[in-house]
């Protein structure tokens, strides 16, 4: 995501330069070109609106707490028809940056219960946090309200196509039972 991040230089905060007794407010609103670069990177049709605002507050002697709101209007292709689907997203974002986070060793690790805790960086890139939060908030299967999945029929010419009901493994058992019952009478 180099293009959108490089386009937002105001989003880089060096934590050592911030006041350590009060919170630092921020408000990121990417330009149309930056939103287009973000949409291209995420593989979606577009980002109509995007705002990431909140505060970064010191916690204890060396840790930091980020609390923010992500507001976005995104356009994605419908999973059924590929028509554009517009979605409004309003998500709270919380991250804790901890100086003494234990290092993880080995090939297999367990996910921590609190997935908002991260290692304290020297410089915090708010644009990266915003794009990560946007990525996590995107609908996995955007679908238009009136979109329906039609029947697709694939068969050779002259052959009767197999319907969904006939393809079910137990669809013919009812008819077979009736045949057997009528045969016995």
Protein backbone atom coordinates (compact mmCIF):
# COMPACT_ATOMS: atom_id res chain seq x y z
CA UNK A 1 0.00 0.00 0.00
CA UNK A 2 2.87 2.33 -0.69
CA UNK A 3 1.00 4.79 -2.92
CA UNK A 4 -1.79 5.77 -0.52
CA UNK A 5 0.51 5.84 2.50
CA UNK A 6 3.14 8.00 0.81
CA UNK A 7 0.36 10.39 -0.24
CA UNK A 8 -0.59 11.04 3.41
CA UNK A 9 2.62 12.41 4.98
CA UNK A 10 0.65 14.22 7.71
CA UNK A 11 -0.36 10.82 9.05
CA UNK A 12 3.08 9.91 10.42
CA UNK A 13 3.42 10.71 14.13
CA UNK A 14 6.75 10.28 15.89
CA UNK A 15 5.64 9.21 19.36
CA UNK A 16 8.73 10.64 21.08
CA UNK A 17 7.75 14.11 19.81
CA UNK A 18 4.19 13.99 21.21
CA UNK A 19 3.31 15.45 24.61
CA UNK A 20 3.31 12.66 27.19
CA UNK A 21 0.81 14.28 29.60
CA UNK A 22 -2.15 14.94 27.29
CA UNK A 23 -3.83 13.37 24.30
CA UNK A 24 -3.05 14.34 20.73
CA UNK A 25 -6.08 14.82 18.49
CA UNK A 26 -6.02 13.86 14.80
CA UNK A 27 -8.36 14.09 11.84
CA UNK A 28 -7.39 12.40 8.57
CA UNK A 29 -9.48 13.11 5.48
CA UNK A 30 -7.83 11.77 2.30
CA UNK A 31 -8.16 13.68 -0.97
CA UNK A 32 -10.04 12.19 -3.96
CA UNK A 33 -6.75 11.00 -5.50
CA UNK A 34 -5.71 9.39 -2.21
CA UNK A 35 -9.12 7.69 -1.88
CA UNK A 36 -8.78 6.35 -5.44
CA UNK A 37 -5.33 4.95 -4.60
CA UNK A 38 -6.75 3.30 -1.46
CA UNK A 39 -9.67 1.79 -3.44
CA UNK A 40 -7.27 0.45 -6.05
CA UNK A 41 -5.09 -1.09 -3.35
CA UNK A 42 -8.10 -2.72 -1.67
CA UNK A 43 -9.48 -4.00 -4.99
CA UNK A 44 -12.83 -2.23 -4.67
CA UNK A 45 -14.64 0.08 -7.08
CA UNK A 46 -14.27 3.25 -5.02
CA UNK A 47 -14.11 5.10 -1.73
CA UNK A 48 -16.54 8.03 -1.93
CA UNK A 49 -15.88 9.40 1.55
CA UNK A 50 -13.27 8.58 4.17
CA UNK A 51 -12.52 10.17 7.54
CA UNK A 52 -10.44 8.87 10.41
CA UNK A 53 -10.53 11.03 13.51
CA UNK A 54 -9.69 10.44 17.12
CA UNK A 55 -7.03 10.82 19.71
CA UNK A 56 -3.76 9.25 20.74
CA UNK A 57 -3.32 9.36 24.52
CA UNK A 58 -0.35 8.39 26.67
CA UNK A 59 -0.89 5.50 29.08
CA UNK A 60 1.60 5.15 31.92
CA UNK A 61 5.23 6.03 31.22
CA UNK A 62 5.69 4.65 27.72
CA UNK A 63 2.48 3.13 26.29
CA UNK A 64 -0.15 4.79 24.06
CA UNK A 65 -3.87 4.27 23.45
CA UNK A 66 -5.51 5.16 20.12
CA UNK A 67 -9.28 5.64 20.06
CA UNK A 68 -10.87 6.79 16.84
CA UNK A 69 -13.89 6.68 14.56
CA UNK A 70 -13.68 5.49 10.99
CA UNK A 71 -16.34 6.85 8.69
CA UNK A 72 -16.43 5.76 5.06
CA UNK A 73 -18.70 5.29 2.08
CA UNK A 74 -17.38 2.54 -0.17
CA UNK A 75 -18.47 1.04 -3.47
CA UNK A 76 -17.89 -2.68 -4.07
CA UNK A 77 -19.08 -5.11 -6.74
CA UNK A 78 -22.16 -7.17 -5.85
CA UNK A 79 -21.20 -10.82 -5.31
CA UNK A 80 -24.21 -11.92 -7.36
CA UNK A 81 -24.49 -9.46 -10.24
CA UNK A 82 -21.19 -7.50 -10.09
CA UNK A 83 -23.26 -4.28 -10.08
CA UNK A 84 -21.91 -1.52 -7.79
CA UNK A 85 -23.07 -1.69 -4.17
CA UNK A 86 -22.62 1.39 -1.97
CA UNK A 87 -22.14 0.81 1.76
CA UNK A 88 -21.81 3.28 4.61
CA UNK A 89 -19.35 2.26 7.33
CA UNK A 90 -19.08 3.81 10.80
CA UNK A 91 -16.65 1.86 12.97
CA UNK A 92 -14.96 2.54 16.30
CA UNK A 93 -11.22 1.81 16.23
CA UNK A 94 -9.11 1.06 19.30
CA UNK A 95 -5.42 0.19 19.42
CA UNK A 96 -3.02 -0.10 22.35
CA UNK A 97 0.68 0.39 21.68
CA UNK A 98 2.73 -1.29 24.41
CA UNK A 99 6.47 -0.82 24.92
CA UNK A 100 7.10 -4.10 26.78
CA UNK A 101 5.16 -6.52 24.61
CA UNK A 102 6.83 -9.96 24.82
CA UNK A 103 8.45 -11.26 21.65
CA UNK A 104 6.82 -14.29 20.06
CA UNK A 105 9.13 -17.16 19.21
CA UNK A 106 8.58 -20.29 17.19
CA UNK A 107 6.72 -21.22 14.02
CA UNK A 108 3.28 -21.62 15.56
CA UNK A 109 1.71 -18.92 17.69
CA UNK A 110 -1.69 -18.43 19.27
CA UNK A 111 -3.69 -15.31 18.60
CA UNK A 112 -3.91 -13.17 21.73
CA UNK A 113 -7.33 -12.57 23.27
CA UNK A 114 -6.92 -8.82 22.84
CA UNK A 115 -6.13 -8.25 19.18
CA UNK A 116 -5.94 -4.47 19.64
CA UNK A 117 -2.55 -4.63 21.42
CA UNK A 118 0.50 -3.99 19.27
CA UNK A 119 4.19 -3.33 19.78
CA UNK A 120 5.05 0.32 20.35
CA UNK A 121 6.49 1.76 17.11
CA UNK A 122 8.88 4.71 16.96
CA UNK A 123 6.60 6.35 14.37
CA UNK A 124 2.89 5.63 14.14
CA UNK A 125 1.39 5.78 10.67
CA UNK A 126 -2.24 6.79 11.14
CA UNK A 127 -2.96 6.18 7.44
CA UNK A 128 -1.88 2.54 7.83
CA UNK A 129 -4.17 2.15 10.86
CA UNK A 130 -7.02 3.82 8.92
CA UNK A 131 -6.57 1.55 5.89
CA UNK A 132 -6.33 -1.55 8.09
CA UNK A 133 -9.53 -0.57 9.91
CA UNK A 134 -11.25 0.12 6.57
CA UNK A 135 -10.15 -3.26 5.23
CA UNK A 136 -11.52 -5.07 8.29
CA UNK A 137 -14.82 -3.15 8.13
CA UNK A 138 -15.56 -3.87 4.45
CA UNK A 139 -18.51 -6.21 3.87
CA UNK A 140 -17.22 -9.63 2.83
CA UNK A 141 -20.16 -10.33 0.50
CA UNK A 142 -21.73 -7.07 -0.66
CA UNK A 143 -25.07 -7.70 -2.35
CA UNK A 144 -27.68 -5.50 -3.95
CA UNK A 145 -31.08 -5.68 -2.26
CA UNK A 146 -32.86 -7.01 -5.36
CA UNK A 147 -30.06 -9.28 -6.59
CA UNK A 148 -31.06 -12.88 -7.22
CA UNK A 149 -28.95 -15.77 -8.30
CA UNK A 150 -30.63 -17.17 -11.39
CA UNK A 151 -30.53 -20.74 -12.60
CA UNK A 152 -27.58 -21.64 -14.77
CA UNK A 153 -28.06 -24.61 -17.09
CA UNK A 154 -25.04 -26.33 -18.59
CA UNK A 155 -25.64 -29.37 -20.77
CA UNK A 156 -25.02 -30.73 -24.21
CA UNK A 157 -27.56 -29.95 -26.93
CA UNK A 158 -30.42 -32.46 -26.95
CA UNK A 159 -29.88 -33.60 -23.36
CA UNK A 160 -32.39 -32.71 -20.64
CA UNK A 161 -30.64 -30.52 -18.06
CA UNK A 162 -30.44 -31.68 -14.46
CA UNK A 163 -32.37 -29.38 -12.12
CA UNK A 164 -31.25 -28.41 -8.60
CA UNK A 165 -34.01 -30.59 -7.11
CA UNK A 166 -32.91 -33.61 -9.11
CA UNK A 167 -29.28 -33.09 -8.16
CA UNK A 168 -30.02 -33.45 -4.46
CA UNK A 169 -28.81 -36.87 -3.25
CA UNK A 170 -32.12 -37.96 -1.70
CA UNK A 171 -34.47 -36.27 -4.17
CA UNK A 172 -35.53 -39.54 -5.82
CA UNK A 173 -36.10 -41.54 -2.64
CA UNK A 174 -39.70 -40.33 -2.25
CA UNK A 175 -40.57 -41.44 -5.77
CA UNK A 176 -38.78 -44.76 -5.25
CA UNK A 177 -40.73 -45.37 -2.02
CA UNK A 178 -44.03 -44.71 -3.82
CA UNK A 179 -43.05 -47.13 -6.60
CA UNK A 180 -42.25 -49.85 -4.07
CA UNK A 181 -45.50 -49.24 -2.15
CA UNK A 182 -47.58 -49.39 -5.37
CA UNK A 183 -45.76 -52.54 -6.50
CA UNK A 184 -46.73 -54.35 -3.29
CA UNK A 185 -50.47 -53.57 -3.69
